[in-house]
Protein backbone atom coordinates (compact mmCIF):
# COMPACT_ATOMS: atom_id res chain seq x y z
CA MET A 1 29.56 42.37 -0.82
CA THR A 2 25.90 40.77 0.16
CA ALA A 3 26.95 37.32 0.85
CA VAL A 4 24.70 34.64 -1.45
CA ALA A 5 24.30 30.66 -1.27
CA LEU A 6 24.13 28.49 -4.65
CA GLY A 7 21.84 25.72 -4.13
CA LEU A 8 22.29 22.87 -6.92
CA ASP A 9 19.19 21.01 -7.49
CA PHE A 10 20.02 17.64 -9.69
CA GLY A 11 16.58 16.70 -11.25
CA THR A 12 15.82 13.72 -13.68
CA GLU A 13 15.95 15.75 -16.52
CA SER A 14 18.08 18.65 -15.71
CA VAL A 15 19.65 20.55 -12.92
CA ARG A 16 18.82 24.34 -11.56
CA ALA A 17 20.94 26.76 -9.98
CA LEU A 18 19.81 29.27 -7.41
CA LEU A 19 21.59 32.24 -5.50
CA ALA A 20 20.13 33.59 -2.33
CA ASP A 21 21.51 35.78 0.00
CA ALA A 22 21.36 36.00 3.40
CA ASP A 23 17.83 37.23 4.23
CA GLY A 24 16.39 34.29 1.29
CA ARG A 25 15.82 36.57 -1.72
CA GLU A 26 16.06 34.67 -4.86
CA ARG A 27 18.73 36.71 -6.53
CA GLY A 28 19.38 34.57 -9.72
CA VAL A 29 18.44 31.37 -11.56
CA ALA A 30 18.73 29.29 -14.31
CA VAL A 31 18.27 25.70 -15.40
CA ALA A 32 20.07 23.62 -17.82
CA ALA A 33 19.40 20.22 -19.01
CA TYR A 34 21.56 17.04 -19.33
CA GLU A 35 22.55 16.35 -22.85
CA HIS A 36 21.48 12.85 -22.75
CA GLY A 37 18.86 13.30 -20.42
CA GLN A 38 17.27 9.70 -19.02
CA ILE A 39 19.13 6.94 -21.02
CA LEU A 40 16.57 4.53 -21.47
CA HIS A 41 16.90 3.04 -24.78
CA SER A 42 20.28 2.58 -25.82
CA LEU A 43 23.65 3.85 -24.58
CA PRO A 44 25.08 6.83 -26.33
CA GLY A 45 26.51 5.93 -29.18
CA SER A 46 25.24 2.55 -29.27
CA ASP A 47 22.06 1.06 -31.27
CA ARG A 48 22.36 -2.04 -28.82
CA PRO A 49 18.87 -1.63 -26.65
CA LEU A 50 19.00 -2.01 -22.97
CA PRO A 51 17.68 -4.36 -21.03
CA PRO A 52 13.74 -3.77 -19.52
CA ARG A 53 13.43 -1.39 -17.00
CA PHE A 54 16.83 -0.05 -16.96
CA ALA A 55 17.30 4.08 -16.43
CA LEU A 56 20.66 5.07 -16.74
CA GLN A 57 22.41 8.52 -16.88
CA ARG A 58 25.56 10.15 -18.18
CA PRO A 59 27.86 11.63 -15.03
CA GLY A 60 29.42 13.93 -17.70
CA ASP A 61 26.44 15.32 -18.22
CA TRP A 62 25.68 16.74 -14.34
CA LEU A 63 28.97 18.40 -14.39
CA ASP A 64 28.53 20.05 -17.53
CA ALA A 65 25.19 21.09 -17.14
CA ALA A 66 25.90 22.51 -13.78
CA ALA A 67 28.72 24.59 -15.27
CA VAL A 68 26.31 25.73 -18.00
CA ALA A 69 23.37 26.42 -15.14
CA VAL A 70 25.86 28.46 -12.58
CA ARG A 71 26.99 30.61 -15.14
CA ALA A 72 23.84 31.74 -16.06
CA ALA A 73 22.38 32.43 -12.90
CA LEU A 74 25.34 34.15 -11.98
CA ALA A 75 24.68 36.48 -15.29
CA ASP A 76 20.73 36.86 -14.02
CA ALA A 77 21.52 37.79 -10.82
CA GLU A 78 24.75 40.17 -12.00
CA LEU A 79 26.67 39.29 -9.16
CA ASP A 80 30.66 39.44 -8.42
CA PRO A 81 30.99 35.30 -8.40
CA ARG A 82 33.01 36.32 -4.98
CA ALA A 83 29.84 36.89 -3.12
CA VAL A 84 28.87 33.11 -3.41
CA VAL A 85 29.58 31.68 0.07
CA GLY A 86 28.57 28.34 0.27
CA ILE A 87 27.02 25.60 -1.74
CA GLY A 88 24.54 23.12 -1.41
CA VAL A 89 23.38 20.75 -3.24
CA ASP A 90 20.34 17.89 -3.55
CA PHE A 91 20.29 14.84 -6.06
CA THR A 92 17.60 12.31 -6.93
CA SER A 93 18.13 9.31 -5.10
CA CYS A 94 19.26 6.74 -5.39
CA THR A 95 20.77 7.22 -8.41
CA MET A 96 24.23 5.21 -8.15
CA LEU A 97 27.37 4.37 -10.27
CA PRO A 98 30.48 2.75 -9.72
CA THR A 99 33.94 4.50 -9.94
CA ASN A 100 37.70 3.94 -9.52
CA ALA A 101 39.61 5.07 -6.56
CA ASP A 102 39.82 8.57 -7.67
CA GLY A 103 36.32 9.21 -8.32
CA THR A 104 36.38 8.13 -12.28
CA PRO A 105 33.34 6.92 -13.30
CA LEU A 106 34.06 3.40 -14.92
CA CYS A 107 31.52 4.19 -17.64
CA GLU A 108 34.59 6.76 -18.95
CA ARG A 109 37.23 4.12 -18.83
CA ASP A 110 37.13 2.88 -22.65
CA ARG A 111 37.12 -1.00 -21.30
CA PHE A 112 33.71 -0.63 -19.70
CA ALA A 113 31.56 2.08 -22.29
CA ASP A 114 30.03 -0.20 -23.84
CA ARG A 115 28.86 -1.91 -20.45
CA PRO A 116 25.20 -0.55 -18.87
CA HIS A 117 26.34 -1.92 -15.45
CA ALA A 118 29.12 0.48 -15.66
CA TRP A 119 27.31 3.88 -15.72
CA PRO A 120 25.01 5.34 -13.11
CA LYS A 121 21.73 3.48 -12.58
CA LEU A 122 18.81 6.67 -12.38
CA TRP A 123 16.75 6.51 -9.34
CA LYS A 124 14.03 4.64 -11.42
CA HIS A 125 16.14 2.32 -12.23
CA HIS A 126 14.06 -1.46 -11.97
CA GLY A 127 16.46 -3.89 -13.05
CA ALA A 128 17.55 -5.54 -9.59
CA VAL A 129 13.48 -7.01 -9.36
CA GLU A 130 15.26 -10.35 -8.25
CA GLN A 131 18.35 -9.04 -5.99
CA THR A 132 15.62 -6.96 -3.95
CA ALA A 133 13.12 -10.02 -3.50
CA ARG A 134 16.36 -12.11 -2.63
CA MET A 135 17.28 -9.48 -0.14
CA ASN A 136 14.28 -9.01 1.55
CA ARG A 137 13.53 -12.69 1.86
CA VAL A 138 16.85 -13.42 3.82
CA ALA A 139 15.98 -10.37 5.92
CA VAL A 140 12.99 -11.39 6.63
CA GLU A 141 14.09 -14.98 7.83
CA ARG A 142 16.87 -13.99 9.73
CA ASP A 143 14.49 -11.32 11.30
CA GLU A 144 17.15 -8.51 10.76
CA PRO A 145 16.74 -5.56 13.02
CA PHE A 146 17.72 -2.92 10.51
CA LEU A 147 14.48 -3.85 8.98
CA LYS A 148 12.45 -2.15 11.70
CA ARG A 149 13.42 1.32 10.38
CA TYR A 150 12.19 0.86 7.00
CA GLY A 151 8.59 -0.41 7.76
CA GLY A 152 9.84 -3.86 7.04
CA ILE A 153 10.86 -3.97 3.78
CA ILE A 154 14.16 -2.92 1.22
CA GLY A 155 12.89 -0.74 -1.50
CA LEU A 156 13.91 -1.85 -5.65
CA GLU A 157 15.38 1.51 -6.29
CA TRP A 158 17.74 1.60 -3.00
CA LEU A 159 21.78 1.09 -3.28
CA GLN A 160 22.58 -2.53 -2.38
CA PRO A 161 19.94 -4.37 -4.63
CA LYS A 162 21.37 -2.19 -7.79
CA MET A 163 25.13 -2.92 -6.74
CA LEU A 164 24.08 -6.48 -6.40
CA GLU A 165 22.28 -6.67 -9.70
CA ALA A 166 25.68 -5.76 -11.48
CA ILE A 167 27.77 -8.36 -9.07
CA GLU A 168 25.39 -10.75 -10.40
CA ASP A 169 24.98 -9.44 -14.26
CA ASP A 170 28.37 -8.29 -14.91
CA PRO A 171 31.33 -9.36 -12.52
CA GLU A 172 33.84 -7.71 -14.14
CA VAL A 173 32.20 -4.55 -13.87
CA ALA A 174 31.90 -4.87 -10.22
CA ALA A 175 35.28 -6.10 -9.70
CA ALA A 176 36.93 -3.38 -11.41
CA ALA A 177 34.43 -0.90 -8.98
CA GLU A 178 36.66 0.30 -6.20
CA VAL A 179 33.70 2.56 -4.92
CA TRP A 180 30.16 2.15 -5.36
CA LEU A 181 28.36 5.73 -4.48
CA GLU A 182 25.57 8.32 -4.83
CA GLY A 183 25.18 10.57 -7.49
CA GLY A 184 24.67 13.37 -5.04
CA ASP A 185 27.87 12.30 -3.23
CA TRP A 186 29.94 11.60 -6.74
CA PHE A 187 29.21 15.57 -7.45
CA VAL A 188 30.11 16.74 -3.95
CA TRP A 189 33.03 14.66 -4.33
CA ARG A 190 34.10 16.30 -7.82
CA LEU A 191 33.68 19.58 -6.03
CA VAL A 192 35.56 19.57 -2.98
CA GLY A 193 38.38 16.73 -4.26
CA GLY A 194 40.46 14.25 -1.87
CA PRO A 195 40.80 10.41 -1.70
CA ALA A 196 38.11 7.99 -1.58
CA GLU A 197 38.78 7.42 2.24
CA GLU A 198 37.69 10.64 2.86
CA LEU A 199 34.82 11.35 0.04
CA PRO A 200 31.92 13.13 1.89
CA ARG A 201 28.77 10.67 2.12
CA SER A 202 25.42 12.36 2.91
CA THR A 203 23.99 10.80 6.07
CA CYS A 204 20.38 11.20 4.15
CA GLN A 205 21.36 9.28 1.26
CA ALA A 206 23.11 6.29 3.02
CA GLY A 207 19.89 6.59 6.10
CA TYR A 208 17.36 6.37 3.48
CA LYS A 209 19.14 4.16 0.61
CA ALA A 210 21.69 2.46 1.67
CA LEU A 211 20.39 0.84 4.95
CA TRP A 212 22.93 2.71 7.16
CA SER A 213 22.25 4.18 10.51
CA ALA A 214 24.29 6.39 12.97
CA THR A 215 24.07 3.74 15.47
CA ASP A 216 24.66 0.67 13.64
CA GLY A 217 26.14 1.68 10.53
CA TYR A 218 25.33 -0.73 7.78
CA PRO A 219 23.53 -4.23 8.14
CA SER A 220 25.99 -7.20 9.14
CA ASP A 221 28.06 -8.63 7.10
CA ASP A 222 26.51 -12.02 8.02
CA TYR A 223 23.40 -10.84 6.55
CA PHE A 224 24.89 -9.78 3.16
CA ALA A 225 26.86 -12.62 2.95
CA ALA A 226 23.95 -14.72 3.22
CA VAL A 227 22.35 -12.82 0.35
CA HIS A 228 25.85 -13.07 -1.82
CA PRO A 229 29.31 -13.56 -0.43
CA GLY A 230 30.34 -10.84 -3.29
CA LEU A 231 27.93 -8.02 -1.74
CA ALA A 232 29.08 -8.74 1.52
CA GLU A 233 32.86 -7.75 0.31
CA ALA A 234 31.68 -5.00 -1.83
CA VAL A 235 29.94 -3.16 1.33
CA ARG A 236 33.05 -4.16 3.11
CA THR A 237 35.07 -2.80 1.24
CA LYS A 238 33.68 -0.51 -1.57
CA LEU A 239 31.78 2.28 0.38
CA PRO A 240 34.31 4.25 1.82
CA GLY A 241 33.91 8.02 3.20
CA ARG A 242 32.76 9.79 6.22
CA LYS A 243 29.35 10.33 7.16
CA LEU A 244 28.04 14.05 6.70
CA ALA A 245 24.37 15.41 7.85
CA PRO A 246 23.45 18.05 5.35
CA GLY A 247 24.63 21.16 6.19
CA GLN A 248 27.66 20.30 7.44
CA VAL A 249 30.78 20.97 5.53
CA ALA A 250 31.81 18.86 3.04
CA GLY A 251 34.88 20.60 1.81
CA ARG A 252 36.27 23.57 0.03
CA LEU A 253 35.51 24.01 -3.44
CA THR A 254 38.46 22.87 -5.71
CA GLU A 255 40.20 24.83 -8.27
CA GLU A 256 39.34 22.85 -10.78
CA ARG A 257 35.80 22.49 -10.42
CA ALA A 258 35.73 26.55 -9.63
CA ALA A 259 36.97 27.53 -12.98
CA ALA A 260 34.39 24.95 -14.75
CA LEU A 261 31.89 26.91 -12.44
CA GLY A 262 32.60 30.17 -13.14
CA LEU A 263 33.48 30.74 -9.23
CA PRO A 264 36.58 31.46 -6.93
CA ALA A 265 37.91 28.62 -5.24
CA GLY A 266 37.91 27.67 -1.44
CA ILE A 267 34.12 28.00 -0.90
CA ALA A 268 32.20 25.78 1.54
CA VAL A 269 30.26 23.18 0.16
CA SER A 270 27.58 21.39 2.31
CA ALA A 271 27.43 17.45 2.26
CA ALA A 272 24.43 16.24 -0.09
CA VAL A 273 21.11 15.77 -0.12
CA ILE A 274 17.64 13.89 -0.77
CA ASP A 275 16.12 16.33 -3.81
CA ALA A 276 12.73 16.05 -1.94
CA HIS A 277 14.08 16.46 1.85
CA ALA A 278 15.51 19.41 0.12
CA ALA A 279 12.54 21.21 0.74
CA VAL A 280 11.96 20.96 4.59
CA PRO A 281 14.81 23.69 4.82
CA GLY A 282 13.51 25.27 1.73
CA VAL A 283 9.94 25.74 3.78
CA GLY A 284 11.28 26.99 7.10
CA ALA A 285 10.61 23.63 8.84
CA ALA A 286 13.62 24.22 10.86
CA GLY A 287 12.45 22.15 13.86
CA PRO A 288 10.40 18.95 14.87
CA GLY A 289 6.60 18.53 14.19
CA ALA A 290 6.61 19.98 10.70
CA LEU A 291 5.12 17.68 8.09
CA VAL A 292 6.39 18.65 4.75
CA MET A 293 4.02 17.05 1.66
CA VAL A 294 6.39 17.24 -1.27
CA MET A 295 3.45 17.17 -3.75
CA GLY A 296 4.23 16.11 -7.57
CA THR A 297 3.66 13.35 -9.95
CA SER A 298 4.08 11.39 -6.40
CA SER A 299 4.32 12.61 -2.75
CA CYS A 300 6.77 12.49 -0.26
CA HIS A 301 6.20 13.41 2.84
CA MET A 302 9.12 14.31 5.67
CA LEU A 303 8.73 14.83 9.14
CA ASN A 304 11.36 15.97 11.78
CA ALA A 305 11.36 14.48 15.25
CA THR A 306 13.69 14.50 18.51
CA GLU A 307 13.24 11.09 19.00
CA GLU A 308 13.39 7.74 17.02
CA ARG A 309 10.20 5.86 16.53
CA PHE A 310 9.91 2.24 14.99
CA VAL A 311 6.39 3.18 12.97
CA PRO A 312 5.51 0.15 10.48
CA GLY A 313 5.01 1.32 7.31
CA LEU A 314 7.74 3.95 7.17
CA ALA A 315 9.81 4.45 3.79
CA GLY A 316 12.64 5.37 6.68
CA VAL A 317 13.75 6.86 9.89
CA VAL A 318 17.37 7.95 10.09
CA GLU A 319 19.08 10.30 12.70
CA GLY A 320 20.69 13.04 10.87
CA GLY A 321 18.91 12.39 7.57
CA ILE A 322 17.33 15.56 6.68
CA LEU A 323 18.89 17.99 9.31
CA PRO A 324 21.70 17.54 11.75
CA ASP A 325 20.81 16.74 15.51
CA LEU A 326 17.65 15.41 14.40
CA PHE A 327 15.25 12.07 13.45
CA GLY A 328 14.05 12.56 9.83
CA TYR A 329 11.18 10.47 9.25
CA GLU A 330 9.99 9.85 5.31
CA THR A 331 6.58 8.83 3.92
CA GLY A 332 5.16 8.95 0.38
CA GLN A 333 2.38 8.19 -1.84
CA ALA A 334 3.43 6.38 -5.15
CA ALA A 335 0.85 8.03 -7.49
CA VAL A 336 -0.34 11.54 -7.12
CA GLY A 337 -0.25 14.22 -10.12
CA ASP A 338 0.38 11.06 -12.12
CA ALA A 339 -2.71 9.31 -11.02
CA PHE A 340 -4.71 12.39 -12.11
CA ASP A 341 -3.18 13.09 -15.40
CA TRP A 342 -3.88 9.56 -16.13
CA LEU A 343 -7.30 9.96 -15.20
CA ARG A 344 -7.16 13.43 -17.48
CA THR A 345 -5.67 10.94 -19.95
CA LEU A 346 -7.98 8.19 -20.19
CA LEU A 347 -11.03 10.83 -20.47
CA GLY A 348 -9.71 12.36 -23.21
CA ARG A 349 -9.41 16.08 -22.02
CA ASP A 350 -6.97 18.37 -22.91
CA SER A 351 -6.84 19.86 -19.63
CA PHE A 352 -8.23 19.54 -15.86
CA ASP A 353 -10.48 22.70 -16.23
CA SER A 354 -14.04 20.85 -17.48
CA MET A 355 -13.29 18.01 -14.85
CA SER A 356 -12.40 20.41 -11.97
CA ALA A 357 -15.58 22.57 -12.41
CA ALA A 358 -17.57 19.35 -12.49
CA ALA A 359 -15.74 17.92 -9.58
CA ALA A 360 -15.97 21.30 -7.84
CA ALA A 361 -19.85 20.90 -8.07
CA LEU A 362 -19.92 18.19 -6.09
CA PRO A 363 -20.60 17.47 -2.54
CA PRO A 364 -17.85 15.41 -0.40
CA GLY A 365 -17.77 11.98 -1.47
CA ALA A 366 -18.40 12.44 -4.86
CA GLU A 367 -22.17 11.03 -4.71
CA GLY A 368 -21.07 7.75 -3.23
CA VAL A 369 -18.20 6.87 -5.74
CA ARG A 370 -14.77 5.98 -3.91
CA CYS A 371 -11.35 5.38 -5.30
CA LEU A 372 -8.39 3.64 -3.69
CA ASP A 373 -5.44 5.38 -5.01
CA TRP A 374 -3.13 2.91 -5.50
CA LEU A 375 -2.27 3.20 -9.28
CA ASN A 376 1.32 3.05 -9.16
CA GLY A 377 0.95 0.58 -5.72
CA CYS A 378 1.12 1.63 -2.43
CA ARG A 379 4.20 3.17 -0.82
CA THR A 380 3.12 3.94 2.75
CA PRO A 381 2.19 1.93 4.83
CA LEU A 382 2.22 -0.72 2.91
CA MET A 383 5.20 -0.65 0.86
CA ASP A 384 4.18 -2.74 -1.91
CA GLY A 385 4.48 -1.88 -5.38
CA SER A 386 2.28 -4.79 -7.01
CA LEU A 387 -1.12 -2.90 -5.33
CA ARG A 388 -3.49 -1.89 -7.80
CA GLY A 389 -6.00 0.89 -7.69
CA ALA A 390 -9.89 0.78 -7.75
CA PHE A 391 -13.12 2.92 -8.09
CA SER A 392 -16.62 1.70 -6.39
CA GLY A 393 -20.14 2.83 -6.36
CA LEU A 394 -20.59 3.54 -9.89
CA SER A 395 -23.31 3.95 -12.01
CA LEU A 396 -24.81 5.35 -15.21
CA HIS A 397 -25.53 8.35 -13.92
CA THR A 398 -21.46 8.95 -12.57
CA GLY A 399 -19.43 11.51 -14.80
CA PRO A 400 -15.54 12.75 -15.12
CA GLY A 401 -16.67 14.74 -12.22
CA HIS A 402 -17.16 11.88 -10.23
CA LEU A 403 -14.32 10.05 -11.09
CA TYR A 404 -11.97 13.31 -10.72
CA ARG A 405 -13.02 14.08 -7.10
CA ALA A 406 -12.81 10.90 -6.12
CA LEU A 407 -9.71 10.41 -7.29
CA LEU A 408 -8.69 13.59 -5.47
CA GLU A 409 -10.69 12.21 -2.14
CA GLY A 410 -8.38 8.86 -2.58
CA SER A 411 -5.30 10.99 -2.81
CA ALA A 412 -6.39 12.66 0.65
CA CYS A 413 -7.76 9.74 2.38
CA GLY A 414 -4.23 8.10 1.79
CA LEU A 415 -2.48 11.08 3.53
CA ARG A 416 -4.96 10.54 6.40
CA TRP A 417 -3.77 7.11 6.86
CA ILE A 418 0.03 8.34 7.15
CA VAL A 419 -0.62 10.90 9.46
CA GLU A 420 -2.57 8.66 11.50
CA LEU A 421 0.17 6.14 11.51
CA LEU A 422 2.68 8.69 12.43
CA ARG A 423 0.63 10.09 15.46
CA GLU A 424 -0.18 6.40 16.86
CA GLY A 425 3.53 5.70 16.42
CA GLY A 426 4.50 8.52 18.54
CA VAL A 427 5.64 10.44 16.32
CA PRO A 428 4.38 14.14 16.54
CA ILE A 429 3.08 16.34 14.35
CA ASP A 430 1.92 19.89 14.89
CA ARG A 431 2.03 21.68 10.95
CA LEU A 432 1.20 20.46 7.82
CA ILE A 433 3.26 22.53 5.07
CA ALA A 434 2.14 21.77 1.34
CA THR A 435 4.86 22.60 -1.15
CA GLY A 436 5.63 21.41 -5.00
CA GLY A 437 3.57 21.70 -8.22
CA LEU A 438 0.74 20.76 -7.27
CA PRO A 439 -0.52 22.71 -4.20
CA HIS A 440 0.48 25.98 -6.66
CA HIS A 441 -2.15 24.56 -9.65
CA ASN A 442 -4.29 22.73 -7.44
CA ARG A 443 -6.01 24.72 -4.93
CA ASP A 444 -9.00 22.43 -4.89
CA LEU A 445 -6.88 19.49 -3.78
CA VAL A 446 -5.45 21.33 -1.20
CA GLN A 447 -8.61 22.05 0.39
CA ILE A 448 -10.11 18.15 0.29
CA TYR A 449 -6.53 17.65 1.98
CA ALA A 450 -7.52 19.89 4.83
CA ASP A 451 -11.06 19.13 4.84
CA VAL A 452 -10.19 15.07 4.67
CA LEU A 453 -7.85 15.53 7.84
CA GLY A 454 -9.64 18.17 9.53
CA GLU A 455 -6.67 20.26 10.25
CA PRO A 456 -4.97 23.66 8.48
CA ILE A 457 -2.52 23.01 5.57
CA GLU A 458 0.15 25.65 4.80
CA ALA A 459 0.28 26.09 0.74
CA HIS A 460 3.94 27.37 1.13
CA PRO A 461 4.62 29.82 -1.84
CA ALA A 462 7.99 28.85 -2.27
CA ARG A 463 7.91 27.46 -6.11
CA GLN A 464 11.73 26.01 -5.96
CA ALA A 465 11.76 24.77 -2.55
CA PRO A 466 14.37 22.08 -2.87
CA ALA A 467 16.55 24.28 -4.49
CA LEU A 468 16.40 26.95 -2.08
CA GLY A 469 16.66 24.46 0.25
CA ALA A 470 19.95 23.31 -1.11
CA ALA A 471 20.88 26.92 -1.13
CA ILE A 472 20.51 27.44 3.03
CA LEU A 473 22.34 24.39 3.39
CA GLY A 474 25.10 25.71 1.58
CA MET A 475 24.50 28.71 3.72
CA VAL A 476 24.78 26.71 6.69
CA ALA A 477 27.97 25.13 5.56
CA ALA A 478 29.36 28.42 5.03
CA GLY A 479 29.06 29.28 8.94
CA ARG A 480 27.27 32.57 8.22
CA PHE A 481 24.86 31.87 11.01
CA ASP A 482 25.10 30.58 14.83
CA SER A 483 22.93 27.70 13.64
CA VAL A 484 21.28 25.52 11.10
CA ALA A 485 17.64 26.73 12.67
CA GLU A 486 18.62 30.56 12.78
CA THR A 487 19.85 29.98 8.73
CA ILE A 488 16.38 28.16 8.01
CA GLU A 489 14.40 31.11 9.69
CA ALA A 490 16.22 33.97 8.10
CA MET A 491 16.51 32.49 4.32
CA ALA A 492 13.32 30.51 4.00
CA ALA A 493 9.56 33.01 3.36
CA PRO A 494 6.94 32.25 6.08
CA VAL A 495 3.62 30.93 4.88
CA PRO A 496 1.79 34.30 4.49
CA ALA A 497 -1.90 34.17 6.17
CA ASP A 498 -3.54 33.77 2.95
CA ALA A 499 -1.89 30.68 1.92
CA ARG A 500 -3.28 28.90 5.16
CA VAL A 501 -6.28 26.95 4.07
CA GLU A 502 -8.59 26.09 6.78
CA PRO A 503 -10.67 22.97 7.06
CA ASP A 504 -14.77 23.51 6.10
CA PRO A 505 -16.41 21.90 9.43
CA ALA A 506 -19.22 20.45 7.50
CA ALA A 507 -16.91 18.47 4.53
CA ALA A 508 -14.33 17.37 7.45
CA THR A 509 -17.42 15.52 9.45
CA ALA A 510 -18.62 14.33 6.06
CA TYR A 511 -15.69 13.05 5.27
CA ASP A 512 -15.13 11.04 8.44
CA ALA A 513 -17.24 8.61 6.69
CA VAL A 514 -15.58 8.51 3.51
CA TYR A 515 -12.11 7.72 4.98
CA ARG A 516 -13.90 4.84 6.91
CA ASP A 517 -14.97 3.22 3.51
CA TYR A 518 -11.09 4.20 1.93
CA ARG A 519 -10.04 1.74 5.20
CA ARG A 520 -12.37 -0.83 4.00
CA PHE A 521 -11.65 -0.56 0.67
CA ALA A 522 -8.09 -1.13 1.40
CA GLU A 523 -8.58 -4.21 3.26
CA THR A 524 -10.58 -5.72 0.30
CA PHE A 525 -7.38 -5.35 -2.03
CA GLY A 526 -4.70 -5.38 0.32
CA PRO A 527 -6.17 -7.80 3.17
CA THR A 528 -3.15 -9.52 4.40
CA SER A 529 -1.07 -6.25 4.81
CA ALA A 530 -3.60 -3.54 5.26
CA ARG A 531 -4.78 -5.70 8.38
CA LYS A 532 -1.36 -5.68 9.48
CA ALA A 533 -0.98 -2.20 8.99
CA SER A 534 -3.81 -1.14 10.94
């Protein structure tokens, strides 16, 4: 019987189930939406408005949708369920929730069903603004060493700020919580069972979103106590479990969850991984040196290396954060595809066709129009969501094509800054791999990226790289190959020669001047931070 692995890719609105064999061939795929989607306005069954900036989900939706998707993928593949040997899970992060010691979410208890802080907080939940600011202020005042792993700043969407928000805004919920954990870890825990003390916590999620490191653990009790004594107690007593790198065996599928999914019990289950990070094995980046750019509404850029370097402006560097035995680096751009769509909407266009044609007819540099692409703040290297974008060089002759090309070029310049930052910090980059929705739909953007960087970019053909990456990690957990690298090399399709986008030498030369303008622009609109990061 052909062995296959199941990858479960949990997004913001739905879960995708993908079955792949040991050669990486997609055998079946299905998507199932969450019944309640994003809970943004009021809790299910209530008309009481949620507080501003809240974004919640229902944990039962994750279980229900996974069951539907897995059964549909098996039907699509026409496979005997006994062929499934491993399961991998990727999940949006930081999506987190409080539970009892047996894993029951607090929101499923009648006592807390109407309390927003008892529900899972989606990655995009931005309610902990004040708490995040205080954690950063105290960390800077104390010169906390953990900050150097995160570019000097704690993120608004991370685990401890959301925990502190509940501790301060609903102490009864916080007191009842016996376990705080990521949604990805909770789902894997549901798959494999076991006591809270043994729940499998992903080094990926813990490292990038919960201030944990393999060498130091969590930040000191003294630091958390200086922020809030209740937070110190919660970190000390309510984050139980084992730390496992993606691909390591979290446990075996229980009888209960096997029955729900239509699978046999006993299948190996991998520790969870953040959804974007799953794209790294999904595109075949098995070793160090490949910068994998997951390009969509925003962009997340991941890179593995053999050494740990503390580079200012990084979103995080985590040992075993993406793959075992390597240091995973994360950077990102806060607005990419959504910035392009903003401009299309602003200009009243139904599609990108006319804008793209007009932009393609212009020379590099958009005839002097420049764009600073901080339309949703700057993630790397300035880590400041309050920063704003700008256009310059406008005239009465400026048209939609100029604005669009300048925005594409600004996005490319932002990436070049990230690449230079990593290399200057001693982190090697020898390949650039683009994946996600944008490289498949906007080849002009990939060409501009290659020209601005002056380097070739491999536009990977995988359209579901995170789901495939999760399946690969499931196969790693199943132990069907001798190593993680061998599994990835066997299952991830290579980039075909015609998908390699080479830079145009003349355009690359012209873009050197555009990039210099971009950096000057950045100093103007983010002077203190931009000079510090230069």
